[in-house]
Amino acid sequence: PVAPKHARTHEHSGVELLSVMTGKLGLCIGAEEYTLAAGDSIYLDSFRPHSYRRIGSKPCTAVVVTVP
């Protein structure tokens, strides 16, 4: 697991589609944090500062599609 304060924030042009395959993923967009579990997906404008982090001790895998 990664503490929220240690997640690396980044931003770039375009949009992202993120789909969690296994485990739990914390997604921070600006000041808001979302918890995504296996089967959850989210679409976001990637020009906003965002970061990802694993939640819990189980491995987390996700597919991230970025389009400029």
N, C-alpha and C. Protein backbone atom coordinates (compact mmCIF):
# COMPACT_ATOMS: atom_id res chain seq x y z
N PRO A 1 0.82 -1.21 0.00
CA PRO A 1 0.00 0.00 0.00
C PRO A 1 0.86 1.27 0.00
N VAL A 2 0.35 2.31 -0.60
CA VAL A 2 1.04 3.59 -0.67
C VAL A 2 0.19 4.63 0.04
N ALA A 3 0.79 5.37 0.95
CA ALA A 3 0.06 6.44 1.63
C ALA A 3 -0.26 7.55 0.64
N PRO A 4 -1.42 8.21 0.79
CA PRO A 4 -1.80 9.27 -0.15
C PRO A 4 -0.72 10.33 -0.34
N LYS A 5 -0.02 10.69 0.71
CA LYS A 5 0.99 11.75 0.59
C LYS A 5 2.21 11.31 -0.23
N HIS A 6 2.36 9.99 -0.45
CA HIS A 6 3.50 9.49 -1.22
C HIS A 6 3.16 9.16 -2.68
N ALA A 7 1.91 9.31 -3.06
CA ALA A 7 1.52 9.05 -4.46
C ALA A 7 2.07 10.18 -5.33
N ARG A 8 2.63 9.83 -6.48
CA ARG A 8 3.24 10.82 -7.37
C ARG A 8 2.17 11.47 -8.24
N THR A 9 1.97 12.76 -8.07
CA THR A 9 0.98 13.51 -8.85
C THR A 9 1.58 13.90 -10.19
N HIS A 10 0.77 13.80 -11.24
CA HIS A 10 1.21 14.19 -12.58
C HIS A 10 0.02 14.75 -13.35
N GLU A 11 0.30 15.38 -14.45
CA GLU A 11 -0.74 15.93 -15.33
C GLU A 11 -0.19 15.98 -16.74
N HIS A 12 -1.08 15.92 -17.71
CA HIS A 12 -0.68 15.96 -19.12
C HIS A 12 -1.91 16.26 -19.95
N SER A 13 -1.71 16.59 -21.19
CA SER A 13 -2.85 16.90 -22.05
C SER A 13 -3.62 15.62 -22.37
N GLY A 14 -4.88 15.76 -22.73
CA GLY A 14 -5.68 14.63 -23.15
C GLY A 14 -6.65 14.14 -22.10
N VAL A 15 -7.08 12.89 -22.30
CA VAL A 15 -8.03 12.23 -21.40
C VAL A 15 -7.51 10.83 -21.09
N GLU A 16 -8.03 10.24 -20.01
CA GLU A 16 -7.66 8.89 -19.63
C GLU A 16 -8.91 8.07 -19.33
N LEU A 17 -8.85 6.81 -19.69
CA LEU A 17 -9.83 5.82 -19.28
C LEU A 17 -9.06 4.81 -18.46
N LEU A 18 -9.48 4.60 -17.22
CA LEU A 18 -8.79 3.70 -16.32
C LEU A 18 -9.77 2.61 -15.89
N SER A 19 -9.36 1.36 -16.00
CA SER A 19 -10.20 0.24 -15.61
C SER A 19 -9.40 -0.68 -14.69
N VAL A 20 -9.93 -0.94 -13.49
CA VAL A 20 -9.25 -1.77 -12.51
C VAL A 20 -9.59 -3.24 -12.78
N MET A 21 -8.55 -4.05 -12.89
CA MET A 21 -8.73 -5.48 -13.16
C MET A 21 -8.75 -6.29 -11.86
N THR A 22 -7.81 -6.00 -10.95
CA THR A 22 -7.74 -6.70 -9.67
C THR A 22 -7.36 -5.72 -8.57
N GLY A 23 -7.76 -6.03 -7.34
CA GLY A 23 -7.37 -5.24 -6.19
C GLY A 23 -8.15 -3.94 -6.07
N LYS A 24 -7.60 -3.03 -5.27
CA LYS A 24 -8.21 -1.71 -5.05
C LYS A 24 -7.20 -0.64 -5.38
N LEU A 25 -7.69 0.41 -6.03
CA LEU A 25 -6.84 1.51 -6.48
C LEU A 25 -7.39 2.82 -5.95
N GLY A 26 -6.52 3.63 -5.34
CA GLY A 26 -6.90 4.98 -4.95
C GLY A 26 -6.52 5.92 -6.07
N LEU A 27 -7.46 6.74 -6.50
CA LEU A 27 -7.22 7.71 -7.56
C LEU A 27 -7.54 9.09 -7.00
N CYS A 28 -6.55 9.95 -7.00
CA CYS A 28 -6.74 11.31 -6.52
C CYS A 28 -6.75 12.23 -7.73
N ILE A 29 -7.82 13.02 -7.87
CA ILE A 29 -7.93 14.02 -8.93
C ILE A 29 -8.13 15.36 -8.23
N GLY A 30 -7.12 16.20 -8.30
CA GLY A 30 -7.18 17.45 -7.55
C GLY A 30 -7.24 17.12 -6.06
N ALA A 31 -8.24 17.63 -5.35
CA ALA A 31 -8.38 17.38 -3.91
C ALA A 31 -9.31 16.20 -3.61
N GLU A 32 -9.92 15.61 -4.62
CA GLU A 32 -10.86 14.50 -4.44
C GLU A 32 -10.16 13.16 -4.59
N GLU A 33 -10.48 12.20 -3.68
CA GLU A 33 -9.93 10.86 -3.82
C GLU A 33 -11.06 9.86 -4.00
N TYR A 34 -10.86 8.94 -4.93
CA TYR A 34 -11.84 7.91 -5.25
C TYR A 34 -11.19 6.56 -5.01
N THR A 35 -11.98 5.59 -4.54
CA THR A 35 -11.51 4.22 -4.38
C THR A 35 -12.19 3.37 -5.44
N LEU A 36 -11.38 2.74 -6.28
CA LEU A 36 -11.89 1.89 -7.34
C LEU A 36 -11.52 0.44 -7.04
N ALA A 37 -12.46 -0.47 -7.26
CA ALA A 37 -12.23 -1.90 -7.05
C ALA A 37 -12.29 -2.61 -8.39
N ALA A 38 -11.94 -3.88 -8.39
CA ALA A 38 -11.97 -4.69 -9.61
C ALA A 38 -13.32 -4.54 -10.30
N GLY A 39 -13.29 -4.23 -11.59
CA GLY A 39 -14.51 -4.04 -12.37
C GLY A 39 -14.93 -2.58 -12.51
N ASP A 40 -14.35 -1.69 -11.69
CA ASP A 40 -14.68 -0.26 -11.77
C ASP A 40 -13.84 0.42 -12.85
N SER A 41 -14.42 1.43 -13.46
CA SER A 41 -13.73 2.24 -14.48
C SER A 41 -14.02 3.70 -14.23
N ILE A 42 -13.13 4.56 -14.74
CA ILE A 42 -13.33 6.00 -14.64
C ILE A 42 -12.71 6.68 -15.86
N TYR A 43 -13.31 7.78 -16.27
CA TYR A 43 -12.85 8.58 -17.40
C TYR A 43 -12.54 9.96 -16.84
N LEU A 44 -11.37 10.51 -17.16
CA LEU A 44 -11.01 11.81 -16.59
C LEU A 44 -10.23 12.65 -17.57
N ASP A 45 -10.31 13.96 -17.38
CA ASP A 45 -9.47 14.91 -18.12
C ASP A 45 -8.11 14.88 -17.45
N SER A 46 -7.08 14.46 -18.17
CA SER A 46 -5.78 14.26 -17.55
C SER A 46 -4.95 15.54 -17.41
N PHE A 47 -5.51 16.68 -17.83
CA PHE A 47 -4.81 17.95 -17.59
C PHE A 47 -4.94 18.36 -16.13
N ARG A 48 -5.87 17.74 -15.41
CA ARG A 48 -6.00 18.00 -13.97
C ARG A 48 -4.98 17.14 -13.23
N PRO A 49 -4.31 17.69 -12.21
CA PRO A 49 -3.34 16.90 -11.45
C PRO A 49 -4.01 15.64 -10.89
N HIS A 50 -3.37 14.49 -11.08
CA HIS A 50 -3.93 13.23 -10.60
C HIS A 50 -2.81 12.26 -10.22
N SER A 51 -3.16 11.29 -9.37
CA SER A 51 -2.20 10.27 -8.95
C SER A 51 -2.95 8.97 -8.65
N TYR A 52 -2.20 7.88 -8.65
CA TYR A 52 -2.76 6.56 -8.37
C TYR A 52 -2.00 5.94 -7.21
N ARG A 53 -2.67 5.05 -6.48
CA ARG A 53 -1.99 4.30 -5.43
C ARG A 53 -2.76 3.02 -5.13
N ARG A 54 -2.02 1.98 -4.80
CA ARG A 54 -2.65 0.73 -4.38
C ARG A 54 -3.20 0.90 -2.98
N ILE A 55 -4.36 0.32 -2.73
CA ILE A 55 -4.96 0.31 -1.40
C ILE A 55 -5.01 -1.14 -0.94
N GLY A 56 -4.51 -1.42 0.24
CA GLY A 56 -4.53 -2.78 0.77
C GLY A 56 -3.28 -3.56 0.40
N SER A 57 -3.24 -4.81 0.86
CA SER A 57 -2.04 -5.62 0.67
C SER A 57 -2.08 -6.48 -0.59
N LYS A 58 -3.24 -6.64 -1.20
CA LYS A 58 -3.35 -7.46 -2.41
C LYS A 58 -2.83 -6.68 -3.62
N PRO A 59 -2.25 -7.39 -4.60
CA PRO A 59 -1.80 -6.71 -5.82
C PRO A 59 -2.96 -6.00 -6.52
N CYS A 60 -2.63 -4.93 -7.18
CA CYS A 60 -3.63 -4.16 -7.94
C CYS A 60 -3.14 -4.03 -9.37
N THR A 61 -3.99 -4.38 -10.32
CA THR A 61 -3.66 -4.20 -11.72
C THR A 61 -4.77 -3.39 -12.38
N ALA A 62 -4.37 -2.56 -13.31
CA ALA A 62 -5.34 -1.71 -14.01
C ALA A 62 -4.85 -1.46 -15.43
N VAL A 63 -5.79 -1.17 -16.31
CA VAL A 63 -5.48 -0.77 -17.67
C VAL A 63 -5.75 0.73 -17.78
N VAL A 64 -4.77 1.47 -18.25
CA VAL A 64 -4.92 2.91 -18.42
C VAL A 64 -4.74 3.24 -19.91
N VAL A 65 -5.76 3.84 -20.49
CA VAL A 65 -5.70 4.26 -21.88
C VAL A 65 -5.65 5.78 -21.88
N THR A 66 -4.59 6.33 -22.48
CA THR A 66 -4.40 7.78 -22.55
C THR A 66 -4.51 8.23 -24.01
N VAL A 67 -5.34 9.24 -24.24
CA VAL A 67 -5.52 9.78 -25.58
C VAL A 67 -5.21 11.27 -25.54
N PRO A 68 -4.32 11.76 -26.44
CA PRO A 68 -3.97 13.18 -26.43
C PRO A 68 -5.14 14.07 -26.85
